[in-house]
C-alpha cells in the first residue's frame, strides 16, 4: 500500500467471476472472502488474493445474473473490468456501496454548472470546478468560487445523461434535478470517464429509489408543476384556478403520498369572548 493510499472498508462477503475474457461462466460459484476497499483498489482475499484497481473499472451495475448462483443473491455489485465481470456481495451491502462511492469519488475534481436550470428557467452560469465529498445522505460539491452545493440523495428527481461539449471536450454530462431553498434546480456535472461512470451509477440508484408510480389527477399534476416552478403554496388557488378548500385537500393527499412535505403549519384562529373583550378594551383606550 502506498503512502497516499488509505483503507476505506474491511468486511466479510463473497464474490463470483461471472465473465472471464469475454466468456460467460455459467458454472461459476460464489467464494467466501474478506473484502478490503481502499482509495485505490478493491482486494478480495480468499484462498488466493484478487485485486482490482478502481480506475480499471469501466462500469458498475446492480445485476448481472449469469446463472442461478448469482440470481439467488439479492444484493451485489457487478464490476465490469475490461472483458471481465466480477460480482461482489458484502455482508452489509448498503455500507459497502457508499464506501465504494466514497473511495472512488471523494476528493475528485469535476466540472459543475450550477444551477443550470432554476424553477424551470435556463440559467447562464458558466462551468466551474468542484471537489466531491460523498456521504450516506448527500453529494457535496466545494466549488472553486467558494460556494458549497449539496445534492441530497433522497431529494433527487429526474436524471438524464447526454454527451456534450464542455470546455472544448466531448464529455458525459449528468443532469440531475434536486431542490435548493425549496425551489427545483438542475445541476449539470461532468468529469473524467471513471468519475462520471461511478457518479452516474450512484445518482441513478438514488433517483430510482425516489421514483414513485403515482395515480395523480391532472389538477394534482398542475399543482405539483406550479410548486416546481416556484409558485408559493398560498398562491396556488389563484394560479391553478381552484378554491382554497380544494387546494387544501390536494395538499393533504400529496403529503400522504410523500410528494410534498410540510415546512410549517399555518394556524387558523378566531377570537373567543375573552379575546373580543380585550380588543374592545384596547379600542376604548384609543
C-alpha atoms as a PDB file:
ATOM      1  CA  UNK A   1       0.000   0.000   0.000  1.00  0.00           C
ATOM      2  CA  UNK A   2       1.409   3.404  -0.992  1.00  0.00           C
ATOM      3  CA  UNK A   3       1.801   6.320   1.418  1.00  0.00           C
ATOM      4  CA  UNK A   4      -1.208   8.074  -0.150  1.00  0.00           C
ATOM      5  CA  UNK A   5      -3.470   5.007  -0.259  1.00  0.00           C
ATOM      6  CA  UNK A   6      -5.984   4.774   2.601  1.00  0.00           C
ATOM      7  CA  UNK A   7      -8.181   1.895   3.734  1.00  0.00           C
ATOM      8  CA  UNK A   8     -11.901   2.694   3.485  1.00  0.00           C
ATOM      9  CA  UNK A   9     -13.577  -0.591   4.464  1.00  0.00           C
ATOM     10  CA  UNK A  10     -12.739  -4.099   5.656  1.00  0.00           C
ATOM     11  CA  UNK A  11     -15.616  -6.604   5.810  1.00  0.00           C
ATOM     12  CA  UNK A  12     -16.676 -10.146   5.044  1.00  0.00           C
ATOM     13  CA  UNK A  13     -18.516 -11.117   1.883  1.00  0.00           C
ATOM     14  CA  UNK A  14     -18.345 -13.233  -1.244  1.00  0.00           C
ATOM     15  CA  UNK A  15     -17.515 -12.846  -4.923  1.00  0.00           C
ATOM     16  CA  UNK A  16     -18.316 -14.612  -8.179  1.00  0.00           C
ATOM     17  CA  UNK A  17     -16.466 -14.402 -11.511  1.00  0.00           C
ATOM     18  CA  UNK A  18     -19.368 -14.036 -13.969  1.00  0.00           C
ATOM     19  CA  UNK A  19     -17.357 -13.303 -17.131  1.00  0.00           C
ATOM     20  CA  UNK A  20     -13.698 -14.033 -17.885  1.00  0.00           C
ATOM     21  CA  UNK A  21     -12.048 -12.656 -21.028  1.00  0.00           C
ATOM     22  CA  UNK A  22     -15.455 -12.126 -22.599  1.00  0.00           C
ATOM     23  CA  UNK A  23     -16.760 -15.637 -21.834  1.00  0.00           C
ATOM     24  CA  UNK A  24     -19.796 -16.059 -19.556  1.00  0.00           C
ATOM     25  CA  UNK A  25     -19.054 -18.573 -16.810  1.00  0.00           C
ATOM     26  CA  UNK A  26     -22.400 -20.298 -16.335  1.00  0.00           C
ATOM     27  CA  UNK A  27     -20.917 -22.773 -13.842  1.00  0.00           C
ATOM     28  CA  UNK A  28     -19.370 -20.069 -11.627  1.00  0.00           C
ATOM     29  CA  UNK A  29     -19.883 -20.279  -7.871  1.00  0.00           C
ATOM     30  CA  UNK A  30     -19.669 -17.796  -5.017  1.00  0.00           C
ATOM     31  CA  UNK A  31     -16.484 -17.792  -2.942  1.00  0.00           C
ATOM     32  CA  UNK A  32     -16.432 -16.509   0.612  1.00  0.00           C
ATOM     33  CA  UNK A  33     -13.837 -13.797   1.053  1.00  0.00           C
ATOM     34  CA  UNK A  34     -12.611 -10.821   3.001  1.00  0.00           C
ATOM     35  CA  UNK A  35     -13.269  -7.541   1.163  1.00  0.00           C
ATOM     36  CA  UNK A  36     -10.759  -4.743   1.619  1.00  0.00           C
ATOM     37  CA  UNK A  37     -11.558  -1.443  -0.058  1.00  0.00           C
ATOM     38  CA  UNK A  38      -9.008   1.371  -0.296  1.00  0.00           C
ATOM     39  CA  UNK A  39      -8.856   4.703  -2.090  1.00  0.00           C
ATOM     40  CA  UNK A  40      -7.084   2.922  -4.969  1.00  0.00           C
ATOM     41  CA  UNK A  41      -8.289  -0.689  -5.176  1.00  0.00           C
ATOM     42  CA  UNK A  42     -10.600  -3.431  -4.048  1.00  0.00           C
ATOM     43  CA  UNK A  43      -8.985  -6.630  -2.760  1.00  0.00           C
ATOM     44  CA  UNK A  44     -10.858  -9.940  -2.439  1.00  0.00           C
ATOM     45  CA  UNK A  45      -8.997 -12.321  -0.142  1.00  0.00           C
ATOM     46  CA  UNK A  46      -9.991 -15.993  -0.138  1.00  0.00           C
ATOM     47  CA  UNK A  47      -7.644 -18.944  -0.788  1.00  0.00           C
ATOM     48  CA  UNK A  48      -5.922 -16.565  -3.158  1.00  0.00           C
ATOM     49  CA  UNK A  49      -5.941 -12.768  -3.433  1.00  0.00           C
ATOM     50  CA  UNK A  50      -7.725 -10.917  -6.229  1.00  0.00           C
ATOM     51  CA  UNK A  51      -7.158  -7.171  -6.678  1.00  0.00           C
ATOM     52  CA  UNK A  52      -8.836  -4.658  -8.979  1.00  0.00           C
ATOM     53  CA  UNK A  53      -7.646  -1.062  -9.319  1.00  0.00           C
ATOM     54  CA  UNK A  54     -10.640   1.293  -9.043  1.00  0.00           C
ATOM     55  CA  UNK A  55      -9.603   3.177 -12.163  1.00  0.00           C
ATOM     56  CA  UNK A  56      -9.664  -0.094 -14.166  1.00  0.00           C
ATOM     57  CA  UNK A  57     -13.422  -0.415 -13.582  1.00  0.00           C
ATOM     58  CA  UNK A  58     -15.298   0.516 -16.769  1.00  0.00           C
ATOM     59  CA  UNK A  59     -18.820   0.247 -15.393  1.00  0.00           C
ATOM     60  CA  UNK A  60     -20.702  -0.829 -12.300  1.00  0.00           C
ATOM     61  CA  UNK A  61     -24.215  -2.258 -12.178  1.00  0.00           C
ATOM     62  CA  UNK A  62     -26.704  -3.737  -9.732  1.00  0.00           C
ATOM     63  CA  UNK A  63     -27.327  -7.045 -11.513  1.00  0.00           C
ATOM     64  CA  UNK A  64     -25.558  -9.458 -13.857  1.00  0.00           C
ATOM     65  CA  UNK A  65     -27.266 -12.806 -13.276  1.00  0.00           C
ATOM     66  CA  UNK A  66     -25.104 -15.231 -15.227  1.00  0.00           C
ATOM     67  CA  UNK A  67     -26.606 -18.323 -13.539  1.00  0.00           C
ATOM     68  CA  UNK A  68     -28.838 -19.473 -10.669  1.00  0.00           C
ATOM     69  CA  UNK A  69     -25.980 -18.937  -8.205  1.00  0.00           C
ATOM     70  CA  UNK A  70     -25.836 -15.216  -8.966  1.00  0.00           C
ATOM     71  CA  UNK A  71     -29.624 -14.857  -9.263  1.00  0.00           C
ATOM     72  CA  UNK A  72     -30.030 -16.380  -5.801  1.00  0.00           C
ATOM     73  CA  UNK A  73     -28.214 -13.472  -4.104  1.00  0.00           C
ATOM     74  CA  UNK A  74     -30.469 -10.445  -3.615  1.00  0.00           C
ATOM     75  CA  UNK A  75     -27.821  -7.718  -3.425  1.00  0.00           C
ATOM     76  CA  UNK A  76     -24.414  -7.412  -5.015  1.00  0.00           C
ATOM     77  CA  UNK A  77     -22.346  -5.025  -7.128  1.00  0.00           C
ATOM     78  CA  UNK A  78     -21.318  -6.032 -10.660  1.00  0.00           C
ATOM     79  CA  UNK A  79     -17.896  -4.661 -11.596  1.00  0.00           C
ATOM     80  CA  UNK A  80     -17.179  -4.568 -15.341  1.00  0.00           C
ATOM     81  CA  UNK A  81     -13.404  -4.583 -15.815  1.00  0.00           C
ATOM     82  CA  UNK A  82     -12.322  -4.858 -19.436  1.00  0.00           C
ATOM     83  CA  UNK A  83     -13.620  -8.237 -20.674  1.00  0.00           C
ATOM     84  CA  UNK A  84     -14.292  -9.481 -17.131  1.00  0.00           C
ATOM     85  CA  UNK A  85     -17.320  -9.106 -14.877  1.00  0.00           C
ATOM     86  CA  UNK A  86     -16.898  -9.642 -11.143  1.00  0.00           C
ATOM     87  CA  UNK A  87     -19.833  -9.813  -8.733  1.00  0.00           C
ATOM     88  CA  UNK A  88     -19.149  -8.684  -5.150  1.00  0.00           C
ATOM     89  CA  UNK A  89     -21.648  -9.236  -2.330  1.00  0.00           C
ATOM     90  CA  UNK A  90     -20.725  -7.661   1.019  1.00  0.00           C
ATOM     91  CA  UNK A  91     -22.173  -8.569   4.407  1.00  0.00           C
ATOM     92  CA  UNK A  92     -23.527  -5.004   4.647  1.00  0.00           C
ATOM     93  CA  UNK A  93     -24.471  -4.136   1.067  1.00  0.00           C
ATOM     94  CA  UNK A  94     -25.590  -0.524   1.620  1.00  0.00           C
ATOM     95  CA  UNK A  95     -22.491   0.342   3.666  1.00  0.00           C
ATOM     96  CA  UNK A  96     -20.248  -1.236   1.021  1.00  0.00           C
ATOM     97  CA  UNK A  97     -21.947   0.697  -1.785  1.00  0.00           C
ATOM     98  CA  UNK A  98     -21.476   4.021   0.000  1.00  0.00           C
ATOM     99  CA  UNK A  99     -17.874   3.108   0.885  1.00  0.00           C
ATOM    100  CA  UNK A 100     -17.234   2.238  -2.762  1.00  0.00           C
ATOM    101  CA  UNK A 101     -18.629   5.601  -3.898  1.00  0.00           C
ATOM    102  CA  UNK A 102     -16.512   7.388  -1.280  1.00  0.00           C
ATOM    103  CA  UNK A 103     -13.364   5.512  -2.297  1.00  0.00           C
ATOM    104  CA  UNK A 104     -13.973   6.313  -5.964  1.00  0.00           C
ATOM    105  CA  UNK A 105     -15.171   9.917  -5.724  1.00  0.00           C
ATOM    106  CA  UNK A 106     -14.032  11.643  -2.512  1.00  0.00           C
ATOM    107  CA  UNK A 107     -11.624  14.426  -3.430  1.00  0.00           C
ATOM    108  CA  UNK A 108     -12.214  14.099  -7.167  1.00  0.00           C
ATOM    109  CA  UNK A 109     -12.450  17.380  -9.075  1.00  0.00           C
ATOM    110  CA  UNK A 110     -15.224  17.598 -11.659  1.00  0.00           C
ATOM    111  CA  UNK A 111     -16.819  20.334 -13.758  1.00  0.00           C
ATOM    112  CA  UNK A 112     -20.098  21.764 -12.481  1.00  0.00           C
ATOM    113  CA  UNK A 113     -22.737  24.064 -13.944  1.00  0.00           C
ATOM    114  CA  UNK A 114     -24.950  25.148 -11.050  1.00  0.00           C
ATOM    115  CA  UNK A 115     -27.705  25.901 -11.278  1.00  0.00           C
ATOM    116  CA  UNK A 116     -28.081  25.129 -14.968  1.00  0.00           C
ATOM    117  CA  UNK A 117     -31.863  25.395 -14.585  1.00  0.00           C
ATOM    118  CA  UNK A 118     -33.765  27.093 -11.757  1.00  0.00           C
ATOM    119  CA  UNK A 119     -37.534  26.955 -11.390  1.00  0.00           C
ATOM    120  CA  UNK A 120     -37.789  25.689 -14.956  1.00  0.00           C
ATOM    121  CA  UNK A 121     -35.781  28.631 -16.345  1.00  0.00           C
ATOM    122  CA  UNK A 122     -32.411  28.008 -18.024  1.00  0.00           C
ATOM    123  CA  UNK A 123     -29.597  29.945 -16.338  1.00  0.00           C
ATOM    124  CA  UNK A 124     -26.440  31.389 -17.883  1.00  0.00           C
ATOM    125  CA  UNK A 125     -23.950  30.114 -15.285  1.00  0.00           C
ATOM    126  CA  UNK A 126     -20.540  29.035 -16.542  1.00  0.00           C
ATOM    127  CA  UNK A 127     -18.898  25.683 -15.909  1.00  0.00           C
ATOM    128  CA  UNK A 128     -16.608  25.742 -12.882  1.00  0.00           C
ATOM    129  CA  UNK A 129     -14.584  23.189 -10.916  1.00  0.00           C
ATOM    130  CA  UNK A 130     -15.973  21.457  -7.846  1.00  0.00           C
ATOM    131  CA  UNK A 131     -14.416  18.969  -5.426  1.00  0.00           C
ATOM    132  CA  UNK A 132     -16.583  15.983  -4.471  1.00  0.00           C
ATOM    133  CA  UNK A 133     -17.406  14.690  -0.989  1.00  0.00           C
ATOM    134  CA  UNK A 134     -19.743  11.694  -0.637  1.00  0.00           C
ATOM    135  CA  UNK A 135     -21.827  10.696   2.385  1.00  0.00           C
ATOM    136  CA  UNK A 136     -24.810   8.420   3.035  1.00  0.00           C
ATOM    137  CA  UNK A 137     -27.133  11.416   2.691  1.00  0.00           C
ATOM    138  CA  UNK A 138     -25.640  13.745   0.105  1.00  0.00           C
ATOM    139  CA  UNK A 139     -23.195  14.645  -2.626  1.00  0.00           C
ATOM    140  CA  UNK A 140     -21.324  17.762  -1.546  1.00  0.00           C
ATOM    141  CA  UNK A 141     -19.504  19.987  -4.014  1.00  0.00           C
ATOM    142  CA  UNK A 142     -16.938  22.509  -2.782  1.00  0.00           C
ATOM    143  CA  UNK A 143     -16.885  24.973  -5.668  1.00  0.00           C
ATOM    144  CA  UNK A 144     -13.869  26.932  -6.860  1.00  0.00           C
ATOM    145  CA  UNK A 145     -15.789  30.191  -6.263  1.00  0.00           C
ATOM    146  CA  UNK A 146     -16.201  29.341  -2.574  1.00  0.00           C
ATOM    147  CA  UNK A 147     -19.842  28.216  -2.527  1.00  0.00           C
ATOM    148  CA  UNK A 148     -20.906  24.784  -1.299  1.00  0.00           C
ATOM    149  CA  UNK A 149     -23.560  22.861  -3.212  1.00  0.00           C
ATOM    150  CA  UNK A 150     -25.317  19.916  -1.548  1.00  0.00           C
ATOM    151  CA  UNK A 151     -27.326  17.406  -3.563  1.00  0.00           C
ATOM    152  CA  UNK A 152     -29.455  15.434  -1.120  1.00  0.00           C
ATOM    153  CA  UNK A 153     -29.548  11.838  -2.399  1.00  0.00           C
ATOM    154  CA  UNK A 154     -33.112  11.422  -1.105  1.00  0.00           C
ATOM    155  CA  UNK A 155     -34.132  14.600  -2.972  1.00  0.00           C
ATOM    156  CA  UNK A 156     -33.055  13.617  -6.496  1.00  0.00           C
ATOM    157  CA  UNK A 157     -35.870  13.709  -9.044  1.00  0.00           C
ATOM    158  CA  UNK A 158     -35.230  13.418 -12.772  1.00  0.00           C
ATOM    159  CA  UNK A 159     -31.814  12.439 -14.049  1.00  0.00           C
ATOM    160  CA  UNK A 160     -30.641  12.424 -17.660  1.00  0.00           C
ATOM    161  CA  UNK A 161     -27.255  11.781 -19.251  1.00  0.00           C
ATOM    162  CA  UNK A 162     -26.019  13.328 -22.509  1.00  0.00           C
ATOM    163  CA  UNK A 163     -22.716  13.685 -24.321  1.00  0.00           C
ATOM    164  CA  UNK A 164     -21.930  17.388 -24.751  1.00  0.00           C
ATOM    165  CA  UNK A 165     -19.055  19.731 -25.480  1.00  0.00           C
ATOM    166  CA  UNK A 166     -17.702  21.028 -22.167  1.00  0.00           C
ATOM    167  CA  UNK A 167     -14.602  23.210 -22.055  1.00  0.00           C
ATOM    168  CA  UNK A 168     -13.675  22.160 -25.577  1.00  0.00           C
ATOM    169  CA  UNK A 169     -14.027  18.397 -24.966  1.00  0.00           C
ATOM    170  CA  UNK A 170     -16.767  15.841 -25.570  1.00  0.00           C
ATOM    171  CA  UNK A 171     -17.843  14.734 -22.099  1.00  0.00           C
ATOM    172  CA  UNK A 172     -20.579  12.750 -20.429  1.00  0.00           C
ATOM    173  CA  UNK A 173     -22.850  15.314 -18.726  1.00  0.00           C
ATOM    174  CA  UNK A 174     -25.085  14.189 -15.852  1.00  0.00           C
ATOM    175  CA  UNK A 175     -28.130  16.445 -15.498  1.00  0.00           C
ATOM    176  CA  UNK A 176     -29.624  15.978 -12.040  1.00  0.00           C
ATOM    177  CA  UNK A 177     -32.778  17.644 -10.715  1.00  0.00           C
ATOM    178  CA  UNK A 178     -32.991  18.409  -6.997  1.00  0.00           C
ATOM    179  CA  UNK A 179     -34.124  21.269  -4.759  1.00  0.00           C
ATOM    180  CA  UNK A 180     -32.375  24.291  -3.303  1.00  0.00           C
ATOM    181  CA  UNK A 181     -34.125  26.683  -0.922  1.00  0.00           C
ATOM    182  CA  UNK A 182     -37.409  24.889  -1.729  1.00  0.00           C
ATOM    183  CA  UNK A 183     -37.043  25.631  -5.470  1.00  0.00           C
ATOM    184  CA  UNK A 184     -36.427  22.973  -8.112  1.00  0.00           C
ATOM    185  CA  UNK A 185     -32.990  23.332  -9.694  1.00  0.00           C
ATOM    186  CA  UNK A 186     -30.951  21.301 -12.132  1.00  0.00           C
ATOM    187  CA  UNK A 187     -27.201  20.839 -11.715  1.00  0.00           C
ATOM    188  CA  UNK A 188     -25.009  19.620 -14.559  1.00  0.00           C
ATOM    189  CA  UNK A 189     -21.939  17.519 -13.712  1.00  0.00           C
ATOM    190  CA  UNK A 190     -19.102  16.353 -15.973  1.00  0.00           C
ATOM    191  CA  UNK A 191     -15.803  14.659 -15.193  1.00  0.00           C
ATOM    192  CA  UNK A 192     -13.219  12.112 -16.197  1.00  0.00           C
ATOM    193  CA  UNK A 193     -14.671   8.851 -17.552  1.00  0.00           C
ATOM    194  CA  UNK A 194     -14.183   6.807 -14.355  1.00  0.00           C
ATOM    195  CA  UNK A 195     -15.584   9.502 -12.055  1.00  0.00           C
ATOM    196  CA  UNK A 196     -18.519  10.133 -14.414  1.00  0.00           C
ATOM    197  CA  UNK A 197     -19.289   6.392 -14.540  1.00  0.00           C
ATOM    198  CA  UNK A 198     -19.380   5.962 -10.763  1.00  0.00           C
ATOM    199  CA  UNK A 199     -21.193   9.256 -10.129  1.00  0.00           C
ATOM    200  CA  UNK A 200     -23.823   8.390 -12.729  1.00  0.00           C
ATOM    201  CA  UNK A 201     -24.431   4.966 -11.158  1.00  0.00           C
ATOM    202  CA  UNK A 202     -24.755   6.423  -7.666  1.00  0.00           C
ATOM    203  CA  UNK A 203     -27.164   9.194  -8.717  1.00  0.00           C
ATOM    204  CA  UNK A 204     -29.246   6.849 -10.894  1.00  0.00           C
ATOM    205  CA  UNK A 205     -29.577   4.475  -7.944  1.00  0.00           C
ATOM    206  CA  UNK A 206     -30.766   7.343  -5.728  1.00  0.00           C
ATOM    207  CA  UNK A 207     -33.179   8.612  -8.396  1.00  0.00           C
ATOM    208  CA  UNK A 208     -34.636   5.122  -8.864  1.00  0.00           C
ATOM    209  CA  UNK A 209     -35.285   4.790  -5.138  1.00  0.00           C
ATOM    210  CA  UNK A 210     -37.091   8.145  -5.178  1.00  0.00           C
ATOM    211  CA  UNK A 211     -39.325   7.372  -8.147  1.00  0.00           C
ATOM    212  CA  UNK A 212     -42.977   6.666  -7.432  1.00  0.00           C
ATOM    213  CA  UNK A 213     -45.664   5.266  -9.710  1.00  0.00           C
ATOM    214  CA  UNK A 214     -48.492   7.565  -8.639  1.00  0.00           C
ATOM    215  CA  UNK A 215     -52.024   7.831  -9.958  1.00  0.00           C
ATOM    216  CA  UNK A 216     -52.460  11.616  -9.952  1.00  0.00           C
ATOM    217  CA  UNK A 217     -55.243  13.723 -11.423  1.00  0.00           C
ATOM    218  CA  UNK A 218     -54.499  16.451 -13.961  1.00  0.00           C
ATOM    219  CA  UNK A 219     -55.227  19.106 -11.300  1.00  0.00           C
ATOM    220  CA  UNK A 220     -52.839  17.467  -8.839  1.00  0.00           C
ATOM    221  CA  UNK A 221     -50.158  17.412 -11.537  1.00  0.00           C
ATOM    222  CA  UNK A 222     -50.766  21.123 -12.243  1.00  0.00           C
ATOM    223  CA  UNK A 223     -50.337  21.888  -8.534  1.00  0.00           C
ATOM    224  CA  UNK A 224     -47.062  19.941  -8.473  1.00  0.00           C
ATOM    225  CA  UNK A 225     -45.791  21.753 -11.581  1.00  0.00           C
ATOM    226  CA  UNK A 226     -46.737  25.123 -10.068  1.00  0.00           C
ATOM    227  CA  UNK A 227     -44.790  24.331  -6.881  1.00  0.00           C
ATOM    228  CA  UNK A 228     -41.934  23.016  -9.035  1.00  0.00           C
ATOM    229  CA  UNK A 229     -41.709  26.352 -10.852  1.00  0.00           C
ATOM    230  CA  UNK A 230     -41.548  28.320  -7.593  1.00  0.00           C
ATOM    231  CA  UNK A 231     -45.178  29.387  -7.065  1.00  0.00           C
ATOM    232  CA  UNK A 232     -45.905  29.993  -3.366  1.00  0.00           C
ATOM    233  CA  UNK A 233     -48.284  27.443  -1.775  1.00  0.00           C
ATOM    234  CA  UNK A 234     -50.512  30.378  -0.746  1.00  0.00           C
ATOM    235  CA  UNK A 235     -50.804  31.475  -4.418  1.00  0.00           C
ATOM    236  CA  UNK A 236     -51.724  28.036  -5.739  1.00  0.00           C
ATOM    237  CA  UNK A 237     -55.554  28.586  -5.716  1.00  0.00           C
ATOM    238  CA  UNK A 238     -55.347  31.635  -7.986  1.00  0.00           C
ATOM    239  CA  UNK A 239     -52.525  30.214 -10.117  1.00  0.00           C
ATOM    240  CA  UNK A 240     -54.200  26.846 -10.764  1.00  0.00           C
ATOM    241  CA  UNK A 241     -57.794  28.150 -10.693  1.00  0.00           C
ATOM    242  CA  UNK A 242     -59.212  26.133  -7.802  1.00  0.00           C
ATOM    243  CA  UNK A 243     -60.697  27.186  -4.468  1.00  0.00           C
ATOM    244  CA  UNK A 244     -58.831  27.106  -1.155  1.00  0.00           C
ATOM    245  CA  UNK A 245     -60.689  24.036   0.158  1.00  0.00           C
ATOM    246  CA  UNK A 246     -59.792  22.043  -2.974  1.00  0.00           C
ATOM    247  CA  UNK A 247     -56.193  23.170  -2.663  1.00  0.00           C
ATOM    248  CA  UNK A 248     -56.006  22.069   0.963  1.00  0.00           C
ATOM    249  CA  UNK A 249     -57.471  18.667   0.050  1.00  0.00           C
ATOM    250  CA  UNK A 250     -54.877  18.230  -2.711  1.00  0.00           C
ATOM    251  CA  UNK A 251     -52.076  19.239  -0.328  1.00  0.00           C
ATOM    252  CA  UNK A 252     -53.321  16.676   2.216  1.00  0.00           C
ATOM    253  CA  UNK A 253     -53.301  13.921  -0.421  1.00  0.00           C
ATOM    254  CA  UNK A 254     -49.863  14.868  -1.754  1.00  0.00           C
ATOM    255  CA  UNK A 255     -48.479  14.919   1.805  1.00  0.00           C
ATOM    256  CA  UNK A 256     -49.942  11.449   2.383  1.00  0.00           C
ATOM    257  CA  UNK A 257     -48.287  10.220  -0.852  1.00  0.00           C
ATOM    258  CA  UNK A 258     -44.960  11.790   0.264  1.00  0.00           C
ATOM    259  CA  UNK A 259     -44.932  14.021  -2.828  1.00  0.00           C
ATOM    260  CA  UNK A 260     -44.687  17.210  -0.759  1.00  0.00           C
ATOM    261  CA  UNK A 261     -43.674  17.849   2.843  1.00  0.00           C
ATOM    262  CA  UNK A 262     -44.895  20.352   5.416  1.00  0.00           C
ATOM    263  CA  UNK A 263     -42.426  23.137   6.171  1.00  0.00           C
ATOM    264  CA  UNK A 264     -44.585  24.937   8.706  1.00  0.00           C
ATOM    265  CA  UNK A 265     -48.207  24.900   9.782  1.00  0.00           C
ATOM    266  CA  UNK A 266     -50.412  27.974   9.371  1.00  0.00           C
ATOM    267  CA  UNK A 267     -52.780  28.121  12.336  1.00  0.00           C
ATOM    268  CA  UNK A 268     -56.281  29.417  11.595  1.00  0.00           C
ATOM    269  CA  UNK A 269     -57.721  31.272  14.599  1.00  0.00           C
ATOM    270  CA  UNK A 270     -60.787  33.215  15.689  1.00  0.00           C
ATOM    271  CA  UNK A 271     -61.350  35.399  18.738  1.00  0.00           C
ATOM    272  CA  UNK A 272     -63.038  33.967  21.810  1.00  0.00           C
ATOM    273  CA  UNK A 273     -65.326  36.007  24.088  1.00  0.00           C
ATOM    274  CA  UNK A 274     -62.301  36.881  26.204  1.00  0.00           C
ATOM    275  CA  UNK A 275     -60.394  37.913  23.112  1.00  0.00           C
ATOM    276  CA  UNK A 276     -63.186  40.155  21.886  1.00  0.00           C
ATOM    277  CA  UNK A 277     -63.287  41.800  25.335  1.00  0.00           C
ATOM    278  CA  UNK A 278     -59.523  42.530  25.132  1.00  0.00           C
ATOM    279  CA  UNK A 279     -59.972  44.003  21.680  1.00  0.00           C
ATOM    280  CA  UNK A 280     -62.873  46.134  22.881  1.00  0.00           C
ATOM    281  CA  UNK A 281     -60.831  47.393  25.856  1.00  0.00           C
ATOM    282  CA  UNK A 282     -57.944  48.353  23.539  1.00  0.00           C
ATOM    283  CA  UNK A 283     -60.280  50.215  21.198  1.00  0.00           C
ATOM    284  CA  UNK A 284     -61.753  52.091  24.196  1.00  0.00           C
ATOM    285  CA  UNK A 285     -58.283  53.165  25.302  1.00  0.00           C
ATOM    286  CA  UNK A 286     -57.607  54.631  21.898  1.00  0.00           C
END
